[in-house]
Amino acid sequence: MRGVRFLLEFAKADEAMKAWGVCSTIVVFGSARIREDGPDPHPRWYAEARKFGAIASQRGGAHLSARRERHNVICTGGGPGIMEAANRGAADVGAPSIGLNITLPHEQAPNAWSTPELTFRFHYFAMRKMHLAMRANALVIFPGGFGTFDELFEILTLRQTGKSPPIPIVLFDRGYWEGAINFRALADAGMISPGDLELFEFAETAEEVWDCLVRKGLRAHEEQQSWEAARDVQLE
């Protein structure tokens, strides 16, 4: 019956997102161990993830449009830390957000800030990863450990091999990432192409992340929604 369970895990989340009008997402990854009141630089990372959640939700189109659509909805792994911060930022501006939680022996439990109807608990990592990737217009990676690396390199591999659309990928805090991974060494050793280093960019603030995403092709739907709202008022 494992195939049936796969089907149910896919269908439940898929139908709920359709019901909420979710057309696309911005996926935010990062460590579950980061705390708002933790040691430096944890509070800064948390604060900037929260700010980004608010900025992306306000400017990206997460609020329901006249066409009953939501675009660039914040989507996280649904747990604590950076995931909580991004979901919380969306809640700060009254926007829905998605939490794709995974059942683990420890550490991972749904945070209080993702929209309850858009919060799911998966048994299979593979199905969770599929939902994280399939609607993503962009990927923002805050500092993290094995789980964050897993998600980052999966998306980078999909981009490198052309198995996913050319979505922008932004890594937050260059110092952390270049200290943790020597990307240039991979290229110098011929393990990746020099051009693969252009699959992602770095940013240091929430505003820089948003600017980078827009510069790399993310379409903000705020203006379209404003136009639709004005049109509907005129029609009334």
C-alpha atoms as a PDB file:
ATOM      1  CA  MET A   1       0.000   0.000   0.000  1.00  0.00           C
ATOM      2  CA  ARG A   2       3.000   2.327  -0.082  1.00  0.00           C
ATOM      3  CA  GLY A   3       2.008   3.609  -3.511  1.00  0.00           C
ATOM      4  CA  VAL A   4      -1.389   4.601  -2.150  1.00  0.00           C
ATOM      5  CA  ARG A   5       0.252   6.447   0.714  1.00  0.00           C
ATOM      6  CA  PHE A   6       2.439   8.341  -1.764  1.00  0.00           C
ATOM      7  CA  LEU A   7      -0.685   9.280  -3.710  1.00  0.00           C
ATOM      8  CA  LEU A   8      -2.526  10.482  -0.619  1.00  0.00           C
ATOM      9  CA  GLU A   9       0.449  12.549   0.581  1.00  0.00           C
ATOM     10  CA  PHE A  10       0.607  14.233  -2.792  1.00  0.00           C
ATOM     11  CA  ALA A  11      -3.131  14.752  -3.280  1.00  0.00           C
ATOM     12  CA  LYS A  12      -3.945  16.170   0.156  1.00  0.00           C
ATOM     13  CA  ALA A  13      -1.457  19.043  -0.086  1.00  0.00           C
ATOM     14  CA  ASP A  14      -2.142  19.608  -3.772  1.00  0.00           C
ATOM     15  CA  GLU A  15      -5.898  19.956  -3.311  1.00  0.00           C
ATOM     16  CA  ALA A  16      -5.523  22.261  -0.312  1.00  0.00           C
ATOM     17  CA  MET A  17      -3.188  24.596  -2.196  1.00  0.00           C
ATOM     18  CA  LYS A  18      -5.549  24.695  -5.170  1.00  0.00           C
ATOM     19  CA  ALA A  19      -8.432  25.522  -2.842  1.00  0.00           C
ATOM     20  CA  TRP A  20      -6.435  28.463  -1.476  1.00  0.00           C
ATOM     21  CA  GLY A  21      -5.527  29.671  -4.966  1.00  0.00           C
ATOM     22  CA  VAL A  22      -1.790  29.036  -4.562  1.00  0.00           C
ATOM     23  CA  CYS A  23      -0.262  29.283  -8.036  1.00  0.00           C
ATOM     24  CA  SER A  24       3.389  29.692  -7.081  1.00  0.00           C
ATOM     25  CA  THR A  25       5.671  29.887  -4.056  1.00  0.00           C
ATOM     26  CA  ILE A  26       8.944  31.287  -2.783  1.00  0.00           C
ATOM     27  CA  VAL A  27      10.666  28.531  -0.849  1.00  0.00           C
ATOM     28  CA  VAL A  28      12.724  29.483   2.212  1.00  0.00           C
ATOM     29  CA  PHE A  29      15.140  26.962   3.727  1.00  0.00           C
ATOM     30  CA  GLY A  30      17.339  27.278   6.796  1.00  0.00           C
ATOM     31  CA  SER A  31      18.241  25.677  10.078  1.00  0.00           C
ATOM     32  CA  ALA A  32      15.606  24.574  12.564  1.00  0.00           C
ATOM     33  CA  ARG A  33      18.178  25.271  15.315  1.00  0.00           C
ATOM     34  CA  ILE A  34      18.338  29.041  14.817  1.00  0.00           C
ATOM     35  CA  ARG A  35      16.575  30.967  17.591  1.00  0.00           C
ATOM     36  CA  GLU A  36      15.307  34.525  17.817  1.00  0.00           C
ATOM     37  CA  ASP A  37      17.038  34.799  21.207  1.00  0.00           C
ATOM     38  CA  GLY A  38      19.984  32.538  20.380  1.00  0.00           C
ATOM     39  CA  PRO A  39      23.698  33.366  20.240  1.00  0.00           C
ATOM     40  CA  ASP A  40      25.014  35.747  17.585  1.00  0.00           C
ATOM     41  CA  PRO A  41      24.427  35.756  14.691  1.00  0.00           C
ATOM     42  CA  HIS A  42      21.245  33.693  15.156  1.00  0.00           C
ATOM     43  CA  PRO A  43      19.015  36.698  16.064  1.00  0.00           C
ATOM     44  CA  ARG A  44      20.072  38.564  12.896  1.00  0.00           C
ATOM     45  CA  TRP A  45      19.406  35.565  10.676  1.00  0.00           C
ATOM     46  CA  TYR A  46      16.009  35.063  12.310  1.00  0.00           C
ATOM     47  CA  ALA A  47      15.087  38.744  12.013  1.00  0.00           C
ATOM     48  CA  GLU A  48      16.071  38.959   8.352  1.00  0.00           C
ATOM     49  CA  ALA A  49      14.169  35.773   7.490  1.00  0.00           C
ATOM     50  CA  ARG A  50      11.102  37.247   9.185  1.00  0.00           C
ATOM     51  CA  LYS A  51      11.530  40.522   7.286  1.00  0.00           C
ATOM     52  CA  PHE A  52      11.889  38.657   4.021  1.00  0.00           C
ATOM     53  CA  GLY A  53       8.714  36.678   4.694  1.00  0.00           C
ATOM     54  CA  ALA A  54       6.843  39.966   5.093  1.00  0.00           C
ATOM     55  CA  ILE A  55       8.444  41.667   2.091  1.00  0.00           C
ATOM     56  CA  ALA A  56       7.842  38.761  -0.274  1.00  0.00           C
ATOM     57  CA  SER A  57       4.254  38.344   0.888  1.00  0.00           C
ATOM     58  CA  GLN A  58       3.436  42.040   0.466  1.00  0.00           C
ATOM     59  CA  ARG A  59       5.146  42.558  -2.876  1.00  0.00           C
ATOM     60  CA  GLY A  60       4.927  39.129  -4.440  1.00  0.00           C
ATOM     61  CA  GLY A  61       1.185  38.606  -4.539  1.00  0.00           C
ATOM     62  CA  ALA A  62       0.410  36.252  -1.662  1.00  0.00           C
ATOM     63  CA  HIS A  63      -2.877  38.008  -0.907  1.00  0.00           C
ATOM     64  CA  LEU A  64      -5.825  36.746  -2.924  1.00  0.00           C
ATOM     65  CA  SER A  65      -6.251  38.631  -6.186  1.00  0.00           C
ATOM     66  CA  ALA A  66      -9.477  39.410  -8.041  1.00  0.00           C
ATOM     67  CA  ARG A  67      -8.721  36.331 -10.109  1.00  0.00           C
ATOM     68  CA  ARG A  68      -8.702  34.224  -6.948  1.00  0.00           C
ATOM     69  CA  GLU A  69      -4.971  33.583  -7.316  1.00  0.00           C
ATOM     70  CA  ARG A  70      -2.031  33.801  -4.954  1.00  0.00           C
ATOM     71  CA  HIS A  71       1.525  34.091  -6.243  1.00  0.00           C
ATOM     72  CA  ASN A  72       4.930  33.787  -4.569  1.00  0.00           C
ATOM     73  CA  VAL A  73       3.436  32.476  -1.346  1.00  0.00           C
ATOM     74  CA  ILE A  74       6.067  31.819   1.327  1.00  0.00           C
ATOM     75  CA  CYS A  75       6.662  28.079   1.641  1.00  0.00           C
ATOM     76  CA  THR A  76       8.934  26.494   4.247  1.00  0.00           C
ATOM     77  CA  GLY A  77       9.654  23.143   5.769  1.00  0.00           C
ATOM     78  CA  GLY A  78       7.179  24.116   8.475  1.00  0.00           C
ATOM     79  CA  GLY A  79       9.484  23.658  11.450  1.00  0.00           C
ATOM     80  CA  PRO A  80      11.140  26.035  13.941  1.00  0.00           C
ATOM     81  CA  GLY A  81      14.100  28.351  13.407  1.00  0.00           C
ATOM     82  CA  ILE A  82      14.406  30.010  10.015  1.00  0.00           C
ATOM     83  CA  MET A  83      11.261  28.259   8.803  1.00  0.00           C
ATOM     84  CA  GLU A  84       9.274  29.713  11.667  1.00  0.00           C
ATOM     85  CA  ALA A  85      10.721  33.166  11.005  1.00  0.00           C
ATOM     86  CA  ALA A  86       9.696  33.197   7.332  1.00  0.00           C
ATOM     87  CA  ASN A  87       6.181  31.926   8.100  1.00  0.00           C
ATOM     88  CA  ARG A  88       5.933  34.492  10.884  1.00  0.00           C
ATOM     89  CA  GLY A  89       6.897  37.311   8.524  1.00  0.00           C
ATOM     90  CA  ALA A  90       4.038  36.361   6.211  1.00  0.00           C
ATOM     91  CA  ALA A  91       1.648  36.314   9.169  1.00  0.00           C
ATOM     92  CA  ASP A  92       2.881  39.777  10.200  1.00  0.00           C
ATOM     93  CA  VAL A  93       1.347  41.230   7.020  1.00  0.00           C
ATOM     94  CA  GLY A  94      -1.784  39.098   7.093  1.00  0.00           C
ATOM     95  CA  ALA A  95      -0.710  36.779   4.303  1.00  0.00           C
ATOM     96  CA  PRO A  96      -1.016  32.991   4.245  1.00  0.00           C
ATOM     97  CA  SER A  97       2.053  30.801   4.138  1.00  0.00           C
ATOM     98  CA  ILE A  98       2.755  27.122   3.674  1.00  0.00           C
ATOM     99  CA  GLY A  99       4.460  24.706   6.063  1.00  0.00           C
ATOM    100  CA  LEU A 100       5.521  21.336   4.662  1.00  0.00           C
ATOM    101  CA  ASN A 101       6.516  19.546   7.821  1.00  0.00           C
ATOM    102  CA  ILE A 102       8.164  16.132   8.083  1.00  0.00           C
ATOM    103  CA  THR A 103       7.653  13.584  10.839  1.00  0.00           C
ATOM    104  CA  LEU A 104      11.008  13.067  12.594  1.00  0.00           C
ATOM    105  CA  PRO A 105      12.077  11.487  15.913  1.00  0.00           C
ATOM    106  CA  HIS A 106      13.202  14.888  17.197  1.00  0.00           C
ATOM    107  CA  GLU A 107      13.535  18.581  16.395  1.00  0.00           C
ATOM    108  CA  GLN A 108      10.857  18.959  13.729  1.00  0.00           C
ATOM    109  CA  ALA A 109       7.357  19.989  14.765  1.00  0.00           C
ATOM    110  CA  PRO A 110       5.008  22.398  12.970  1.00  0.00           C
ATOM    111  CA  ASN A 111       5.549  26.017  13.967  1.00  0.00           C
ATOM    112  CA  ALA A 112       2.680  28.247  15.041  1.00  0.00           C
ATOM    113  CA  TRP A 113       2.901  30.701  12.133  1.00  0.00           C
ATOM    114  CA  SER A 114       2.156  28.777   8.944  1.00  0.00           C
ATOM    115  CA  THR A 115      -1.492  28.871   7.876  1.00  0.00           C
ATOM    116  CA  PRO A 116      -3.214  25.893   9.556  1.00  0.00           C
ATOM    117  CA  GLU A 117      -5.025  24.800   6.379  1.00  0.00           C
ATOM    118  CA  LEU A 118      -1.712  24.957   4.504  1.00  0.00           C
ATOM    119  CA  THR A 119       0.303  23.075   7.114  1.00  0.00           C
ATOM    120  CA  PHE A 120       1.028  19.433   6.321  1.00  0.00           C
ATOM    121  CA  ARG A 121       3.004  16.611   7.932  1.00  0.00           C
ATOM    122  CA  PHE A 122       4.703  14.239   5.519  1.00  0.00           C
ATOM    123  CA  HIS A 123       6.006  10.762   6.144  1.00  0.00           C
ATOM    124  CA  TYR A 124       8.123  10.622   2.983  1.00  0.00           C
ATOM    125  CA  PHE A 125      10.923  13.101   2.373  1.00  0.00           C
ATOM    126  CA  ALA A 126      10.575  12.523  -1.378  1.00  0.00           C
ATOM    127  CA  MET A 127       6.963  13.686  -1.488  1.00  0.00           C
ATOM    128  CA  ARG A 128       7.722  16.678   0.692  1.00  0.00           C
ATOM    129  CA  LYS A 129      10.586  17.658  -1.582  1.00  0.00           C
ATOM    130  CA  MET A 130       8.341  17.371  -4.619  1.00  0.00           C
ATOM    131  CA  HIS A 131       5.847  19.809  -3.129  1.00  0.00           C
ATOM    132  CA  LEU A 132       8.659  22.157  -2.123  1.00  0.00           C
ATOM    133  CA  ALA A 133       9.974  22.254  -5.698  1.00  0.00           C
ATOM    134  CA  MET A 134       6.974  21.953  -7.981  1.00  0.00           C
ATOM    135  CA  ARG A 135       5.493  25.455  -7.489  1.00  0.00           C
ATOM    136  CA  ALA A 136       8.675  27.307  -6.613  1.00  0.00           C
ATOM    137  CA  ASN A 137       9.370  30.594  -8.383  1.00  0.00           C
ATOM    138  CA  ALA A 138      12.475  31.163  -6.268  1.00  0.00           C
ATOM    139  CA  LEU A 139      14.610  29.611  -3.560  1.00  0.00           C
ATOM    140  CA  VAL A 140      16.112  31.486  -0.600  1.00  0.00           C
ATOM    141  CA  ILE A 141      18.621  29.624   1.559  1.00  0.00           C
ATOM    142  CA  PHE A 142      19.538  30.871   5.017  1.00  0.00           C
ATOM    143  CA  PRO A 143      22.359  29.289   7.059  1.00  0.00           C
ATOM    144  CA  GLY A 144      21.733  25.682   7.983  1.00  0.00           C
ATOM    145  CA  GLY A 145      23.159  22.212   8.362  1.00  0.00           C
ATOM    146  CA  PHE A 146      22.683  18.820   6.726  1.00  0.00           C
ATOM    147  CA  GLY A 147      18.981  19.259   5.998  1.00  0.00           C
ATOM    148  CA  THR A 148      19.487  22.696   4.461  1.00  0.00           C
ATOM    149  CA  PHE A 149      22.432  21.419   2.403  1.00  0.00           C
ATOM    150  CA  ASP A 150      20.294  18.526   1.212  1.00  0.00           C
ATOM    151  CA  GLU A 151      17.562  20.827  -0.075  1.00  0.00           C
ATOM    152  CA  LEU A 152      20.023  23.326  -1.543  1.00  0.00           C
ATOM    153  CA  PHE A 153      22.020  20.787  -3.511  1.00  0.00           C
ATOM    154  CA  GLU A 154      18.924  19.000  -4.740  1.00  0.00           C
ATOM    155  CA  ILE A 155      17.616  22.221  -6.300  1.00  0.00           C
ATOM    156  CA  LEU A 156      21.069  23.162  -7.607  1.00  0.00           C
ATOM    157  CA  THR A 157      21.312  19.741  -9.255  1.00  0.00           C
ATOM    158  CA  LEU A 158      17.886  20.161 -10.849  1.00  0.00           C
ATOM    159  CA  ARG A 159      18.954  23.570 -12.166  1.00  0.00           C
ATOM    160  CA  GLN A 160      22.359  22.330 -13.321  1.00  0.00           C
ATOM    161  CA  THR A 161      20.819  19.452 -15.273  1.00  0.00           C
ATOM    162  CA  GLY A 162      17.945  21.486 -16.684  1.00  0.00           C
ATOM    163  CA  LYS A 163      15.319  19.418 -14.890  1.00  0.00           C
ATOM    164  CA  SER A 164      13.758  22.497 -13.323  1.00  0.00           C
ATOM    165  CA  PRO A 165      12.925  25.974 -14.666  1.00  0.00           C
ATOM    166  CA  PRO A 166      15.623  28.675 -14.317  1.00  0.00           C
ATOM    167  CA  ILE A 167      14.431  29.951 -10.944  1.00  0.00           C
ATOM    168  CA  PRO A 168      16.601  32.399  -8.964  1.00  0.00           C
ATOM    169  CA  ILE A 169      18.480  30.981  -5.983  1.00  0.00           C
ATOM    170  CA  VAL A 170      19.823  33.273  -3.255  1.00  0.00           C
ATOM    171  CA  LEU A 171      22.093  32.262  -0.388  1.00  0.00           C
ATOM    172  CA  PHE A 172      21.837  34.513   2.648  1.00  0.00           C
ATOM    173  CA  ASP A 173      25.092  35.556   4.373  1.00  0.00           C
ATOM    174  CA  ARG A 174      28.028  35.040   2.024  1.00  0.00           C
ATOM    175  CA  GLY A 175      30.448  34.681   4.927  1.00  0.00           C
ATOM    176  CA  TYR A 176      28.614  31.683   6.317  1.00  0.00           C
ATOM    177  CA  TRP A 177      28.221  29.896   3.008  1.00  0.00           C
ATOM    178  CA  GLU A 178      31.728  30.466   1.707  1.00  0.00           C
ATOM    179  CA  GLY A 179      33.076  29.354   5.070  1.00  0.00           C
ATOM    180  CA  ALA A 180      30.990  26.185   4.986  1.00  0.00           C
ATOM    181  CA  ILE A 181      31.381  25.278   1.294  1.00  0.00           C
ATOM    182  CA  ASN A 182      34.268  26.103  -1.010  1.00  0.00           C
ATOM    183  CA  PHE A 183      32.239  26.472  -4.201  1.00  0.00           C
ATOM    184  CA  ARG A 184      35.228  27.811  -6.137  1.00  0.00           C
ATOM    185  CA  ALA A 185      37.254  24.709  -5.269  1.00  0.00           C
ATOM    186  CA  LEU A 186      34.582  22.544  -6.891  1.00  0.00           C
ATOM    187  CA  ALA A 187      34.924  24.516 -10.111  1.00  0.00           C
ATOM    188  CA  ASP A 188      38.744  24.604  -9.968  1.00  0.00           C
ATOM    189  CA  ALA A 189      38.816  20.810  -9.578  1.00  0.00           C
ATOM    190  CA  GLY A 190      36.484  20.345 -12.524  1.00  0.00           C
ATOM    191  CA  MET A 191      33.687  18.910 -10.399  1.00  0.00           C
ATOM    192  CA  ILE A 192      31.311  21.597 -11.648  1.00  0.00           C
ATOM    193  CA  SER A 193      31.488  24.020 -14.566  1.00  0.00           C
ATOM    194  CA  PRO A 194      32.551  27.616 -13.883  1.00  0.00           C
ATOM    195  CA  GLY A 195      29.130  28.653 -15.158  1.00  0.00           C
ATOM    196  CA  ASP A 196      27.471  26.636 -12.393  1.00  0.00           C
ATOM    197  CA  LEU A 197      28.681  29.270  -9.937  1.00  0.00           C
ATOM    198  CA  GLU A 198      26.193  31.625 -11.594  1.00  0.00           C
ATOM    199  CA  LEU A 199      23.235  29.442 -10.588  1.00  0.00           C
ATOM    200  CA  PHE A 200      23.065  31.305  -7.280  1.00  0.00           C
ATOM    201  CA  GLU A 201      23.824  34.686  -5.731  1.00  0.00           C
ATOM    202  CA  PHE A 202      24.507  35.975  -2.239  1.00  0.00           C
ATOM    203  CA  ALA A 203      22.637  38.584  -0.202  1.00  0.00           C
ATOM    204  CA  GLU A 204      23.108  40.158   3.229  1.00  0.00           C
ATOM    205  CA  THR A 205      19.691  41.662   4.023  1.00  0.00           C
ATOM    206  CA  ALA A 206      16.063  40.827   3.363  1.00  0.00           C
ATOM    207  CA  GLU A 207      15.790  43.767   0.953  1.00  0.00           C
ATOM    208  CA  GLU A 208      18.851  42.560  -0.953  1.00  0.00           C
ATOM    209  CA  VAL A 209      17.289  39.113  -1.250  1.00  0.00           C
ATOM    210  CA  TRP A 210      14.114  40.568  -2.748  1.00  0.00           C
ATOM    211  CA  ASP A 211      16.018  42.868  -5.112  1.00  0.00           C
ATOM    212  CA  CYS A 212      18.133  39.946  -6.272  1.00  0.00           C
ATOM    213  CA  LEU A 213      15.090  37.769  -6.950  1.00  0.00           C
ATOM    214  CA  VAL A 214      13.417  40.486  -9.002  1.00  0.00           C
ATOM    215  CA  ARG A 215      16.618  41.216 -10.902  1.00  0.00           C
ATOM    216  CA  LYS A 216      16.951  37.530 -11.718  1.00  0.00           C
ATOM    217  CA  GLY A 217      13.447  37.339 -13.149  1.00  0.00           C
ATOM    218  CA  LEU A 218      10.953  36.892 -10.301  1.00  0.00           C
ATOM    219  CA  ARG A 219       7.695  38.551 -11.270  1.00  0.00           C
ATOM    220  CA  ALA A 220       6.033  40.582  -8.551  1.00  0.00           C
ATOM    221  CA  HIS A 221       2.236  40.473  -8.804  1.00  0.00           C
ATOM    222  CA  GLU A 222       1.493  43.428  -6.533  1.00  0.00           C
ATOM    223  CA  GLU A 223       0.842  45.883  -9.389  1.00  0.00           C
ATOM    224  CA  GLN A 224      -1.378  43.425 -11.229  1.00  0.00           C
ATOM    225  CA  GLN A 225      -3.454  42.849  -8.105  1.00  0.00           C
ATOM    226  CA  SER A 226      -3.795  46.600  -7.508  1.00  0.00           C
ATOM    227  CA  TRP A 227      -5.018  47.053 -11.063  1.00  0.00           C
ATOM    228  CA  GLU A 228      -7.508  44.220 -10.692  1.00  0.00           C
ATOM    229  CA  ALA A 229      -8.837  45.670  -7.437  1.00  0.00           C
ATOM    230  CA  ALA A 230      -9.307  49.108  -9.016  1.00  0.00           C
ATOM    231  CA  ARG A 231     -11.040  47.567 -12.011  1.00  0.00           C
ATOM    232  CA  ASP A 232     -13.449  45.644  -9.790  1.00  0.00           C
ATOM    233  CA  VAL A 233     -14.308  48.794  -7.822  1.00  0.00           C
ATOM    234  CA  GLN A 234     -15.124  50.568 -11.080  1.00  0.00           C
ATOM    235  CA  LEU A 235     -17.296  47.692 -12.236  1.00  0.00           C
ATOM    236  CA  GLU A 236     -19.243  47.762  -8.970  1.00  0.00           C
END
